N, C-alpha and C. Protein backbone atom coordinates (compact mmCIF):
# COMPACT_ATOMS: atom_id res chain seq x y z
N LEU A 1 11.64 18.30 6.20
CA LEU A 1 10.74 19.10 7.15
C LEU A 1 10.69 18.40 8.47
N ASN A 2 10.61 17.08 8.56
CA ASN A 2 10.72 16.59 10.07
C ASN A 2 11.97 17.05 10.68
N GLU A 3 12.98 17.09 10.14
CA GLU A 3 14.48 17.11 10.70
C GLU A 3 14.46 18.72 11.16
N ALA A 4 13.91 19.77 10.50
CA ALA A 4 13.69 20.99 10.55
C ALA A 4 12.86 21.27 11.88
N VAL A 5 11.69 20.52 11.64
CA VAL A 5 10.70 20.89 13.11
C VAL A 5 11.39 20.17 14.48
N GLY A 6 11.86 18.99 14.08
CA GLY A 6 12.67 18.37 15.36
C GLY A 6 13.78 19.29 15.98
N LEU A 7 14.80 20.17 14.97
CA LEU A 7 15.62 20.78 15.31
C LEU A 7 15.09 22.13 16.28
N ALA A 8 13.89 22.68 15.56
CA ALA A 8 13.43 23.87 16.21
C ALA A 8 12.70 23.32 17.68
N TYR A 9 11.98 22.15 17.63
CA TYR A 9 11.55 21.91 18.92
C TYR A 9 12.49 21.48 19.87
N THR A 10 13.68 20.72 19.66
CA THR A 10 14.66 20.67 20.44
C THR A 10 15.26 21.81 21.01
N ALA A 11 15.52 22.79 20.04
CA ALA A 11 15.97 24.20 20.40
C ALA A 11 15.32 24.85 21.55
N THR A 12 13.93 24.86 21.60
CA THR A 12 12.92 25.50 22.17
C THR A 12 12.69 24.71 23.65
N THR A 13 13.16 23.38 23.69
CA THR A 13 12.96 22.70 24.99
C THR A 13 14.13 22.30 25.44
N VAL A 14 15.11 22.46 25.07
CA VAL A 14 16.38 21.88 25.76
C VAL A 14 16.44 22.79 27.23
N ALA A 15 15.91 23.97 27.07
CA ALA A 15 15.76 24.95 28.59
C ALA A 15 15.05 24.22 29.47
N ASN A 16 13.97 23.57 29.08
CA ASN A 16 13.08 22.99 29.83
C ASN A 16 13.72 21.46 30.29
N TRP A 17 14.49 20.96 29.77
CA TRP A 17 15.24 19.57 29.96
C TRP A 17 16.18 19.80 30.74
N GLY A 18 16.76 20.91 31.12
CA GLY A 18 17.90 21.23 32.00
C GLY A 18 18.80 22.28 31.80
N GLY A 19 18.39 23.11 30.78
CA GLY A 19 19.17 24.45 30.32
C GLY A 19 20.29 23.91 29.50
N THR A 20 21.50 24.34 29.74
CA THR A 20 22.80 24.19 29.01
C THR A 20 23.51 23.26 29.50
N ASN A 21 22.98 22.30 30.55
CA ASN A 21 23.49 21.09 31.16
C ASN A 21 23.92 20.29 29.94
N PRO A 22 25.20 19.82 29.89
CA PRO A 22 25.81 18.92 28.78
C PRO A 22 24.93 17.62 28.64
N THR A 23 24.79 17.05 29.80
CA THR A 23 23.87 15.84 29.72
C THR A 23 22.48 16.05 29.18
N SER A 24 21.97 17.05 29.82
CA SER A 24 20.49 17.31 29.14
C SER A 24 20.55 17.58 27.67
N VAL A 25 21.34 18.37 27.33
CA VAL A 25 21.74 18.73 25.79
C VAL A 25 22.05 17.42 24.80
N ARG A 26 22.78 16.63 25.36
CA ARG A 26 23.02 15.54 24.79
C ARG A 26 21.92 14.75 24.59
N ASN A 27 21.01 14.47 25.78
CA ASN A 27 19.95 13.61 25.75
C ASN A 27 18.73 14.19 24.75
N ALA A 28 18.83 15.35 24.73
CA ALA A 28 17.85 15.92 23.70
C ALA A 28 18.29 15.65 22.31
N LEU A 29 19.79 15.78 21.96
CA LEU A 29 20.04 15.62 20.73
C LEU A 29 19.79 14.11 20.22
N ASP A 30 19.79 13.25 21.32
CA ASP A 30 19.84 11.82 20.99
C ASP A 30 18.50 11.45 20.61
N ILE A 31 17.43 12.10 21.42
CA ILE A 31 16.17 12.11 21.01
C ILE A 31 15.94 12.30 19.68
N LEU A 32 16.27 13.74 19.25
CA LEU A 32 15.98 14.22 17.82
C LEU A 32 16.77 13.31 16.83
N ALA A 33 18.10 12.65 17.19
CA ALA A 33 18.60 11.66 16.21
C ALA A 33 17.73 10.66 15.95
N ALA A 34 17.19 9.98 17.06
CA ALA A 34 16.31 8.90 16.91
C ALA A 34 15.12 9.08 16.14
N GLY A 35 14.62 10.39 16.56
CA GLY A 35 13.34 10.70 15.40
C GLY A 35 13.72 10.70 13.96
N VAL A 36 14.91 11.33 13.76
CA VAL A 36 15.28 11.54 12.24
C VAL A 36 15.81 10.32 11.75
N ASN A 37 16.27 9.34 12.40
CA ASN A 37 16.64 8.00 11.68
C ASN A 37 15.44 6.97 11.62
N SER A 38 14.42 7.39 12.43
CA SER A 38 13.30 6.68 12.05
C SER A 38 12.52 6.74 10.91
N VAL A 39 12.60 8.37 10.34
CA VAL A 39 11.96 8.73 9.33
C VAL A 39 12.87 8.51 8.14
N SER A 40 14.13 8.46 8.22
CA SER A 40 15.03 8.41 7.04
C SER A 40 15.26 6.78 6.66
N ASN A 41 14.82 6.03 7.65
CA ASN A 41 14.98 4.67 7.51
C ASN A 41 13.82 3.79 7.21
N ARG A 42 12.68 4.49 6.68
CA ARG A 42 11.36 4.01 6.54
C ARG A 42 11.37 2.83 5.50
N THR A 43 10.79 1.79 5.66
CA THR A 43 10.52 0.73 4.63
C THR A 43 9.43 1.29 3.32
N VAL A 44 10.03 1.04 2.12
CA VAL A 44 9.25 1.63 1.16
C VAL A 44 8.98 0.53 0.08
N GLY A 45 8.12 0.58 -0.87
CA GLY A 45 8.23 -0.23 -2.08
C GLY A 45 7.30 0.38 -3.16
N SER A 46 7.61 0.52 -4.34
CA SER A 46 6.74 0.96 -5.54
C SER A 46 6.93 0.05 -6.66
N PHE A 47 5.62 -0.60 -7.18
CA PHE A 47 5.47 -1.58 -8.08
C PHE A 47 4.56 -1.23 -8.99
N TYR A 48 4.37 -1.87 -10.16
CA TYR A 48 3.46 -1.78 -11.19
C TYR A 48 3.40 -3.06 -12.01
N ARG A 49 2.59 -3.09 -12.91
CA ARG A 49 2.13 -4.31 -13.84
C ARG A 49 2.15 -3.89 -15.36
N THR A 50 2.77 -4.58 -16.09
CA THR A 50 2.86 -4.07 -17.45
C THR A 50 2.05 -4.80 -18.58
N VAL A 51 1.17 -6.01 -18.03
CA VAL A 51 0.11 -6.64 -18.64
C VAL A 51 -1.17 -6.66 -18.20
N THR A 52 -2.12 -6.87 -18.93
CA THR A 52 -3.76 -6.73 -18.49
C THR A 52 -3.92 -8.04 -17.64
N GLN A 53 -4.76 -7.72 -16.65
CA GLN A 53 -5.12 -8.66 -15.83
C GLN A 53 -6.57 -8.96 -15.73
N PRO A 54 -7.11 -10.20 -15.81
CA PRO A 54 -8.67 -10.32 -15.88
C PRO A 54 -9.11 -10.28 -14.42
N VAL A 55 -10.29 -9.77 -14.24
CA VAL A 55 -10.67 -9.88 -13.00
C VAL A 55 -11.95 -11.20 -12.88
N SER A 56 -11.72 -12.11 -11.83
CA SER A 56 -12.39 -13.27 -11.68
C SER A 56 -13.82 -12.98 -11.51
N SER A 57 -14.64 -13.66 -11.95
CA SER A 57 -15.96 -13.46 -11.60
C SER A 57 -16.66 -15.01 -11.15
N ASP A 58 -15.78 -15.78 -10.79
CA ASP A 58 -16.12 -16.87 -10.03
C ASP A 58 -16.17 -17.04 -8.43
N CYS A 59 -16.14 -18.12 -7.97
CA CYS A 59 -16.11 -18.00 -6.21
C CYS A 59 -14.84 -17.66 -5.90
N ASN A 60 -13.72 -17.92 -6.60
CA ASN A 60 -12.56 -17.37 -6.17
C ASN A 60 -12.19 -15.93 -6.78
N SER A 61 -11.49 -15.26 -5.64
CA SER A 61 -11.05 -13.84 -6.06
C SER A 61 -9.82 -13.88 -6.89
N SER A 62 -9.67 -12.84 -7.69
CA SER A 62 -8.36 -12.51 -8.36
C SER A 62 -7.61 -11.55 -7.51
N TYR A 63 -6.40 -11.42 -7.80
CA TYR A 63 -5.45 -10.65 -6.90
C TYR A 63 -4.87 -9.78 -7.84
N MET A 64 -4.40 -8.56 -7.58
CA MET A 64 -3.64 -7.66 -8.31
C MET A 64 -2.18 -8.15 -8.30
N GLN A 65 -1.63 -8.22 -9.64
CA GLN A 65 -0.17 -8.73 -9.61
C GLN A 65 0.59 -7.68 -10.33
N TYR A 66 2.01 -7.67 -9.76
CA TYR A 66 2.99 -6.89 -10.16
C TYR A 66 4.16 -7.53 -10.79
N GLU A 67 4.92 -6.61 -11.57
CA GLU A 67 6.24 -7.05 -11.93
C GLU A 67 7.23 -7.64 -10.85
N ALA A 68 8.12 -8.62 -11.07
CA ALA A 68 9.02 -9.15 -10.21
C ALA A 68 10.13 -7.96 -9.99
N SER A 69 10.48 -7.06 -10.65
CA SER A 69 11.41 -6.09 -10.51
C SER A 69 10.72 -4.82 -10.19
N PRO A 70 10.69 -4.47 -9.03
CA PRO A 70 10.13 -3.12 -8.66
C PRO A 70 10.65 -1.67 -9.03
N ILE A 71 10.03 -0.75 -9.10
CA ILE A 71 10.51 0.34 -9.28
C ILE A 71 11.52 0.85 -8.20
N LEU A 72 11.01 0.54 -7.04
CA LEU A 72 11.80 1.05 -5.78
C LEU A 72 11.42 -0.05 -4.77
N SER A 73 12.34 -0.66 -4.13
CA SER A 73 12.20 -1.42 -2.94
C SER A 73 13.02 -1.48 -1.93
N ASP A 74 12.98 -1.08 -0.66
CA ASP A 74 13.82 -1.32 0.51
C ASP A 74 12.87 -1.66 1.77
N GLY A 75 12.99 -3.12 1.89
CA GLY A 75 12.26 -3.72 2.92
C GLY A 75 11.01 -4.31 2.56
N VAL A 76 10.47 -4.12 1.28
CA VAL A 76 9.33 -4.69 0.68
C VAL A 76 9.37 -5.41 -0.78
N SER A 77 8.80 -6.59 -0.69
CA SER A 77 9.22 -7.66 -1.81
C SER A 77 7.83 -8.09 -2.18
N VAL A 78 7.94 -8.59 -3.42
CA VAL A 78 6.87 -9.18 -4.00
C VAL A 78 7.02 -10.85 -4.21
N SER A 79 6.00 -11.66 -4.31
CA SER A 79 6.37 -13.14 -4.49
C SER A 79 4.94 -13.76 -4.69
N GLY A 80 4.78 -15.15 -4.93
CA GLY A 80 3.52 -15.77 -5.29
C GLY A 80 3.23 -15.79 -6.63
N VAL A 81 1.97 -16.39 -6.90
CA VAL A 81 1.50 -16.81 -8.23
C VAL A 81 1.43 -15.42 -8.85
N GLY A 82 2.04 -15.03 -9.92
CA GLY A 82 2.05 -13.87 -10.65
C GLY A 82 2.51 -12.62 -10.01
N PHE A 83 3.24 -12.91 -9.09
CA PHE A 83 3.82 -11.78 -7.93
C PHE A 83 2.63 -11.02 -7.40
N ASP A 84 1.68 -11.77 -6.79
CA ASP A 84 0.62 -11.01 -6.09
C ASP A 84 0.69 -10.80 -4.69
N THR A 85 1.51 -11.26 -3.93
CA THR A 85 1.67 -11.24 -2.76
C THR A 85 2.91 -10.13 -2.23
N VAL A 86 2.48 -9.28 -1.45
CA VAL A 86 3.74 -8.06 -0.94
C VAL A 86 4.00 -8.51 0.68
N THR A 87 5.21 -8.51 0.89
CA THR A 87 5.43 -9.04 2.22
C THR A 87 6.55 -7.63 2.50
N VAL A 88 6.69 -7.38 3.83
CA VAL A 88 7.32 -6.45 4.70
C VAL A 88 8.33 -6.89 5.73
N THR A 89 9.42 -6.47 5.63
CA THR A 89 10.55 -6.90 6.57
C THR A 89 10.48 -6.12 7.99
N ASN A 90 9.76 -5.10 8.21
CA ASN A 90 9.80 -4.44 9.42
C ASN A 90 8.46 -4.03 9.88
N PRO A 91 8.23 -3.98 11.13
CA PRO A 91 6.96 -3.86 11.65
C PRO A 91 6.87 -2.27 11.73
N GLY A 92 5.41 -1.92 11.46
CA GLY A 92 4.92 -0.49 11.61
C GLY A 92 3.58 -0.29 11.15
N SER A 93 3.21 0.95 11.11
CA SER A 93 2.13 1.51 10.34
C SER A 93 2.22 1.89 8.74
N TYR A 94 1.59 1.00 8.01
CA TYR A 94 1.90 1.24 6.53
C TYR A 94 0.62 1.83 5.96
N ASN A 95 1.18 2.56 4.99
CA ASN A 95 0.36 3.51 3.92
C ASN A 95 0.26 2.44 2.75
N ILE A 96 -0.68 1.78 2.24
CA ILE A 96 -0.77 0.81 1.21
C ILE A 96 -1.71 1.46 0.09
N GLN A 97 -1.31 2.30 -1.11
CA GLN A 97 -1.83 3.05 -1.97
C GLN A 97 -1.61 2.50 -3.49
N PHE A 98 -3.03 2.38 -4.13
CA PHE A 98 -3.00 1.60 -5.21
C PHE A 98 -3.70 2.28 -6.47
N SER A 99 -3.45 2.26 -7.72
CA SER A 99 -4.37 2.67 -8.59
C SER A 99 -4.59 1.51 -9.59
N ALA A 100 -5.62 1.24 -10.36
CA ALA A 100 -5.75 0.48 -11.34
C ALA A 100 -6.62 0.99 -12.49
N GLN A 101 -6.23 0.78 -13.44
CA GLN A 101 -7.27 1.11 -14.91
C GLN A 101 -8.22 0.07 -15.33
N ILE A 102 -9.51 0.22 -15.12
CA ILE A 102 -10.53 -0.78 -15.08
C ILE A 102 -11.24 -0.43 -16.42
N GLN A 103 -11.44 -1.70 -17.12
CA GLN A 103 -12.33 -1.55 -18.20
C GLN A 103 -13.17 -2.63 -18.42
N LYS A 104 -14.72 -2.70 -18.63
CA LYS A 104 -15.54 -3.95 -18.85
C LYS A 104 -15.53 -3.94 -20.37
N VAL A 105 -15.01 -5.13 -20.85
CA VAL A 105 -14.78 -5.27 -22.43
C VAL A 105 -16.16 -6.07 -22.88
N SER A 106 -17.14 -6.50 -22.16
CA SER A 106 -18.18 -7.16 -22.89
C SER A 106 -19.23 -7.56 -21.71
N GLY A 107 -20.45 -7.62 -22.30
CA GLY A 107 -21.67 -8.37 -21.11
C GLY A 107 -22.42 -7.23 -20.59
N GLN A 108 -23.22 -7.52 -19.80
CA GLN A 108 -23.98 -6.62 -19.26
C GLN A 108 -23.25 -5.88 -17.83
N PRO A 109 -24.01 -4.58 -17.47
CA PRO A 109 -23.56 -4.05 -16.41
C PRO A 109 -23.13 -4.77 -15.26
N SER A 110 -22.27 -4.48 -14.47
CA SER A 110 -21.45 -5.39 -13.34
C SER A 110 -20.77 -4.35 -12.41
N ASN A 111 -20.44 -5.00 -11.53
CA ASN A 111 -19.77 -4.35 -10.37
C ASN A 111 -18.26 -5.09 -10.21
N ILE A 112 -17.24 -4.13 -9.74
CA ILE A 112 -15.85 -4.77 -9.55
C ILE A 112 -15.87 -4.48 -7.90
N LEU A 113 -15.59 -5.42 -7.15
CA LEU A 113 -15.08 -5.12 -5.57
C LEU A 113 -13.80 -5.17 -5.46
N ILE A 114 -13.16 -4.41 -4.55
CA ILE A 114 -11.66 -4.54 -4.24
C ILE A 114 -11.47 -4.38 -2.73
N TRP A 115 -10.92 -5.16 -2.39
CA TRP A 115 -10.37 -5.06 -0.72
C TRP A 115 -9.06 -5.53 -0.52
N LEU A 116 -8.63 -5.56 0.69
CA LEU A 116 -7.26 -5.97 1.31
C LEU A 116 -7.44 -7.08 2.06
N GLU A 117 -6.54 -7.92 1.82
CA GLU A 117 -6.16 -9.18 2.64
C GLU A 117 -4.92 -9.13 3.10
N ILE A 118 -4.76 -9.49 4.59
CA ILE A 118 -3.51 -9.41 5.26
C ILE A 118 -3.19 -10.89 5.63
N ASN A 119 -1.96 -11.45 5.41
CA ASN A 119 -1.89 -13.02 5.70
C ASN A 119 -3.07 -13.87 5.29
N GLY A 120 -3.85 -13.72 4.39
CA GLY A 120 -4.89 -14.55 3.72
C GLY A 120 -6.17 -14.24 4.07
N THR A 121 -6.28 -13.16 5.18
CA THR A 121 -7.60 -12.91 5.89
C THR A 121 -8.26 -11.46 5.36
N PRO A 122 -9.30 -11.34 4.85
CA PRO A 122 -9.58 -10.26 4.41
C PRO A 122 -9.64 -9.11 5.56
N VAL A 123 -9.50 -7.92 5.40
CA VAL A 123 -9.55 -6.81 6.22
C VAL A 123 -11.00 -6.28 6.48
N PRO A 124 -11.69 -6.36 7.64
CA PRO A 124 -12.93 -5.78 7.99
C PRO A 124 -12.84 -4.34 7.50
N TRP A 125 -14.03 -4.16 6.54
CA TRP A 125 -14.32 -2.73 6.29
C TRP A 125 -13.40 -2.24 5.08
N SER A 126 -12.83 -2.79 4.60
CA SER A 126 -11.68 -2.45 3.51
C SER A 126 -12.19 -2.54 2.05
N ASN A 127 -13.43 -2.95 2.03
CA ASN A 127 -14.05 -3.24 0.59
C ASN A 127 -14.65 -1.91 -0.03
N THR A 128 -14.62 -1.92 -1.27
CA THR A 128 -15.36 -0.82 -2.34
C THR A 128 -15.93 -1.51 -3.35
N ASP A 129 -16.99 -1.01 -3.59
CA ASP A 129 -18.10 -1.79 -4.64
C ASP A 129 -18.26 -0.51 -5.90
N ILE A 130 -17.77 -0.84 -7.05
CA ILE A 130 -17.73 0.23 -8.19
C ILE A 130 -18.58 -0.55 -9.24
N ASN A 131 -19.60 0.34 -9.68
CA ASN A 131 -20.65 -0.21 -10.64
C ASN A 131 -19.95 0.39 -12.27
N ILE A 132 -20.08 -0.52 -13.03
CA ILE A 132 -19.44 -0.31 -14.49
C ILE A 132 -20.67 -0.56 -15.28
N GLN A 133 -20.94 0.39 -16.13
CA GLN A 133 -22.28 0.35 -16.88
C GLN A 133 -21.81 -0.14 -18.43
N GLY A 134 -21.39 0.77 -19.24
CA GLY A 134 -21.02 0.52 -20.63
C GLY A 134 -19.66 -0.29 -20.74
N ASN A 135 -19.67 -0.96 -22.12
CA ASN A 135 -18.53 -1.55 -22.47
C ASN A 135 -17.33 -0.40 -22.96
N SER A 136 -16.07 -0.87 -22.76
CA SER A 136 -15.17 -0.19 -23.60
C SER A 136 -14.64 0.92 -22.72
N GLN A 137 -15.43 1.52 -21.87
CA GLN A 137 -14.99 2.78 -21.16
C GLN A 137 -14.14 2.54 -20.18
N TYR A 138 -13.23 3.44 -19.85
CA TYR A 138 -11.84 3.29 -18.75
C TYR A 138 -12.39 4.00 -17.54
N LEU A 139 -12.24 3.22 -16.47
CA LEU A 139 -12.53 3.58 -15.04
C LEU A 139 -11.00 3.75 -14.23
N VAL A 140 -10.83 4.37 -13.28
CA VAL A 140 -9.69 4.46 -12.51
C VAL A 140 -9.97 4.07 -10.89
N ALA A 141 -9.70 3.24 -10.53
CA ALA A 141 -9.90 2.82 -9.11
C ALA A 141 -8.56 3.22 -8.40
N ALA A 142 -8.60 4.39 -7.29
CA ALA A 142 -7.27 4.67 -6.56
C ALA A 142 -7.75 5.17 -5.09
N TRP A 143 -7.16 4.44 -4.33
CA TRP A 143 -7.14 4.79 -2.88
C TRP A 143 -6.26 4.18 -2.04
N ASN A 144 -6.32 4.29 -0.77
CA ASN A 144 -5.23 3.90 0.32
C ASN A 144 -5.96 3.14 1.29
N TRP A 145 -5.06 2.30 2.09
CA TRP A 145 -5.31 1.80 3.28
C TRP A 145 -4.27 2.11 4.39
N LEU A 146 -4.45 2.34 5.67
CA LEU A 146 -3.42 2.68 6.70
C LEU A 146 -3.84 1.51 7.60
N VAL A 147 -2.77 0.53 7.52
CA VAL A 147 -2.73 -0.63 8.42
C VAL A 147 -1.63 -0.98 9.07
N PRO A 148 -1.58 -1.61 10.36
CA PRO A 148 -0.36 -2.19 11.12
C PRO A 148 -0.10 -3.41 10.63
N LEU A 149 1.33 -3.69 10.15
CA LEU A 149 1.68 -4.90 9.93
C LEU A 149 2.95 -5.33 10.75
N LYS A 150 2.95 -6.52 11.05
CA LYS A 150 4.43 -7.11 11.59
C LYS A 150 5.38 -7.34 10.78
N ALA A 151 6.56 -7.56 11.31
CA ALA A 151 7.64 -8.19 10.26
C ALA A 151 7.32 -9.33 9.77
N GLY A 152 7.33 -9.41 8.54
CA GLY A 152 7.02 -10.82 7.80
C GLY A 152 5.42 -10.73 7.23
N ASP A 153 4.74 -9.83 7.66
CA ASP A 153 3.27 -9.92 7.37
C ASP A 153 3.29 -9.73 5.65
N SER A 154 2.45 -10.24 5.30
CA SER A 154 2.07 -10.12 3.92
C SER A 154 0.34 -9.75 3.55
N PHE A 155 0.45 -9.11 2.28
CA PHE A 155 -0.94 -8.76 2.13
C PHE A 155 -1.09 -8.95 0.47
N LYS A 156 -2.37 -8.93 0.15
CA LYS A 156 -2.87 -9.04 -1.31
C LYS A 156 -4.09 -7.85 -1.57
N ILE A 157 -4.14 -7.50 -2.70
CA ILE A 157 -5.34 -6.49 -2.97
C ILE A 157 -6.09 -7.53 -3.89
N ALA A 158 -7.31 -7.79 -3.38
CA ALA A 158 -8.22 -8.92 -4.06
C ALA A 158 -9.26 -7.97 -4.96
N THR A 159 -9.69 -8.71 -5.89
CA THR A 159 -10.70 -8.11 -7.09
C THR A 159 -11.64 -9.17 -7.13
N HIS A 160 -12.82 -8.63 -7.61
CA HIS A 160 -14.00 -9.58 -7.98
C HIS A 160 -15.09 -8.94 -8.88
N ASN A 161 -15.42 -9.55 -9.95
CA ASN A 161 -16.20 -9.33 -10.97
C ASN A 161 -17.48 -9.72 -10.34
N GLY A 162 -18.61 -8.89 -10.08
CA GLY A 162 -19.96 -9.36 -9.64
C GLY A 162 -20.84 -9.93 -10.50
N SER A 163 -20.45 -10.19 -11.86
CA SER A 163 -21.25 -10.77 -12.75
C SER A 163 -20.56 -11.85 -13.49
N ASN A 164 -21.07 -13.13 -13.71
CA ASN A 164 -20.56 -14.28 -14.55
C ASN A 164 -21.02 -13.73 -15.95
N THR A 165 -21.72 -12.82 -16.32
CA THR A 165 -21.99 -12.63 -17.86
C THR A 165 -21.39 -11.23 -18.29
N SER A 166 -20.42 -10.93 -17.73
CA SER A 166 -19.63 -9.71 -18.31
C SER A 166 -18.10 -10.17 -18.01
N SER A 167 -17.23 -9.34 -18.87
CA SER A 167 -15.80 -9.59 -18.79
C SER A 167 -15.06 -8.13 -18.25
N ILE A 168 -14.27 -8.22 -17.11
CA ILE A 168 -13.88 -6.99 -16.71
C ILE A 168 -12.26 -7.34 -16.61
N ASN A 169 -11.42 -6.34 -17.11
CA ASN A 169 -10.06 -6.48 -17.13
C ASN A 169 -9.41 -5.15 -16.31
N LEU A 170 -8.37 -5.43 -15.72
CA LEU A 170 -7.22 -4.50 -15.20
C LEU A 170 -6.49 -4.10 -16.47
N VAL A 171 -6.23 -3.13 -17.06
CA VAL A 171 -5.95 -2.77 -18.60
C VAL A 171 -4.58 -2.17 -18.46
N ALA A 172 -3.49 -2.72 -19.25
CA ALA A 172 -2.30 -2.00 -19.60
C ALA A 172 -2.43 -1.77 -21.00
N ASP A 173 -1.50 -0.42 -21.04
CA ASP A 173 -1.59 -0.07 -22.66
C ASP A 173 0.04 0.29 -22.90
N ALA A 174 0.55 -0.32 -23.81
CA ALA A 174 2.01 -0.20 -24.06
C ALA A 174 2.17 0.95 -25.30
N ALA A 175 0.75 1.43 -25.80
CA ALA A 175 1.17 2.37 -26.73
C ALA A 175 -0.14 3.49 -26.87
N PRO A 176 -0.28 4.10 -25.77
CA PRO A 176 -1.56 5.15 -25.49
C PRO A 176 -1.28 6.10 -26.58
N LEU A 177 -2.33 7.14 -26.73
CA LEU A 177 -2.41 8.07 -27.62
C LEU A 177 -1.28 9.17 -27.12
N ALA A 178 -0.82 9.10 -26.05
CA ALA A 178 0.24 10.28 -25.49
C ALA A 178 0.67 9.93 -24.43
N GLY A 179 1.97 10.31 -24.24
CA GLY A 179 2.57 9.98 -23.06
C GLY A 179 3.07 8.52 -22.76
N PRO A 180 3.77 8.18 -21.69
CA PRO A 180 4.49 7.06 -21.53
C PRO A 180 3.48 5.67 -21.48
N ASN A 181 3.80 4.50 -21.19
CA ASN A 181 3.25 3.38 -21.26
C ASN A 181 2.36 3.49 -20.06
N ILE A 182 0.91 2.83 -20.24
CA ILE A 182 0.20 2.71 -19.08
C ILE A 182 0.05 1.30 -18.33
N PRO A 183 0.57 1.30 -17.02
CA PRO A 183 0.29 0.06 -16.47
C PRO A 183 -1.09 -0.28 -16.00
N SER A 184 -1.44 -1.52 -15.85
CA SER A 184 -2.63 -2.02 -15.33
C SER A 184 -2.76 -1.38 -13.93
N VAL A 185 -1.60 -1.77 -13.03
CA VAL A 185 -1.78 -1.54 -11.73
C VAL A 185 -0.62 -0.67 -11.30
N ILE A 186 -0.73 0.30 -10.15
CA ILE A 186 0.65 0.95 -9.60
C ILE A 186 0.31 0.83 -8.21
N LEU A 187 1.43 0.24 -7.23
CA LEU A 187 1.37 0.30 -6.00
C LEU A 187 2.39 0.76 -5.42
N SER A 188 1.99 1.62 -4.19
CA SER A 188 2.89 2.30 -3.24
C SER A 188 2.82 1.88 -1.94
N VAL A 189 3.95 1.41 -1.34
CA VAL A 189 3.71 0.83 0.06
C VAL A 189 4.89 1.60 0.83
N VAL A 190 4.41 2.48 1.88
CA VAL A 190 5.43 3.25 2.62
C VAL A 190 4.83 3.11 4.16
N GLN A 191 6.20 2.81 4.86
CA GLN A 191 5.90 2.71 6.29
C GLN A 191 6.08 4.16 7.13
N GLU A 192 4.61 4.36 7.58
CA GLU A 192 4.60 5.73 8.09
C GLU A 192 5.23 5.94 9.34
N SER A 193 5.21 5.14 10.16
CA SER A 193 6.01 4.73 11.54
C SER A 193 6.28 3.41 11.84
N THR A 194 6.86 3.44 13.09
CA THR A 194 7.01 2.14 13.58
C THR A 194 5.99 1.62 14.58
N TYR A 195 5.01 2.36 14.85
CA TYR A 195 4.05 1.89 15.73
C TYR A 195 3.01 1.00 15.29
N VAL A 196 2.61 -0.24 15.91
CA VAL A 196 2.01 -1.35 15.93
C VAL A 196 1.11 -1.43 17.12
N PRO A 197 -0.22 -1.47 16.87
CA PRO A 197 -0.93 -1.31 18.32
C PRO A 197 -0.59 -2.89 19.07
N PRO A 198 -1.10 -2.76 20.29
CA PRO A 198 -0.76 -4.03 20.87
C PRO A 198 -1.55 -5.30 20.63
N ALA A 199 -2.93 -4.86 19.87
CA ALA A 199 -3.64 -5.99 19.13
C ALA A 199 -2.94 -6.82 18.15
N SER A 200 -2.22 -6.17 17.43
CA SER A 200 -1.27 -6.67 16.50
C SER A 200 -0.06 -7.06 16.87
N SER A 201 0.49 -7.21 17.92
CA SER A 201 1.59 -7.73 18.40
C SER A 201 1.97 -9.29 18.17
N GLY A 202 0.74 -10.20 18.26
CA GLY A 202 0.88 -11.68 17.93
C GLY A 202 -0.11 -11.89 16.98
N GLY A 203 0.14 -13.07 16.23
CA GLY A 203 -0.81 -13.65 15.43
C GLY A 203 -1.05 -12.95 14.06
N SER A 204 -2.25 -12.94 13.55
CA SER A 204 -2.44 -12.16 12.14
C SER A 204 -2.57 -10.64 12.74
N SER A 205 -2.29 -9.84 11.80
CA SER A 205 -2.33 -8.54 12.22
C SER A 205 -3.92 -8.18 12.27
N SER A 206 -4.36 -7.24 13.01
CA SER A 206 -5.84 -6.68 13.07
C SER A 206 -5.68 -5.25 12.67
N SER A 207 -6.34 -5.10 11.73
CA SER A 207 -6.45 -3.67 10.74
C SER A 207 -7.69 -2.80 11.06
N SER A 208 -7.63 -1.48 11.23
CA SER A 208 -8.56 -0.70 11.52
C SER A 208 -8.18 0.60 10.70
N PHE A 209 -9.40 1.33 10.55
CA PHE A 209 -9.34 2.60 9.73
C PHE A 209 -9.99 3.74 10.65
């Protein structure tokens, strides 16, 4: 689609850039090629987790973890304890999208909080609070953040159980009633563009929504 739009745009604007002058036509095609390459060479990653993950209720947050072998990875990697740290090799604006199957297995009603951290720092206004009432019921948390990342930046998705009298898990199921296996977490990371705001050009990335 981007290539088709680019070709149409170039065809209608070559006249404005010098008509049929060979140099103008070549410049227009160079601009188009750069745009197509920036789309086709985007950094991407797709990850999941096959085991159940407990959500911490103490003063330390827990982090979503992933398998060491991704579904798809080009310029995105995982590392750290339980493979909870995601690192990108190219700078740009990234769409970070996840889904997690949540279950409160015991205790009183509680809340699970989920937020994004970049280079160890919580991203302002990235938190969400979900209330869970009954035991054994399943909930799905699924949303995304669009953030600037520099080359070598890392992020984690933090989780926290708001009650120390309840137990909350991110649940995987290897034998569901129907269909394929259910992962506890699914994560997709897509570089939407190479743009990084000037405020993110040095030090820790500053992210906004």
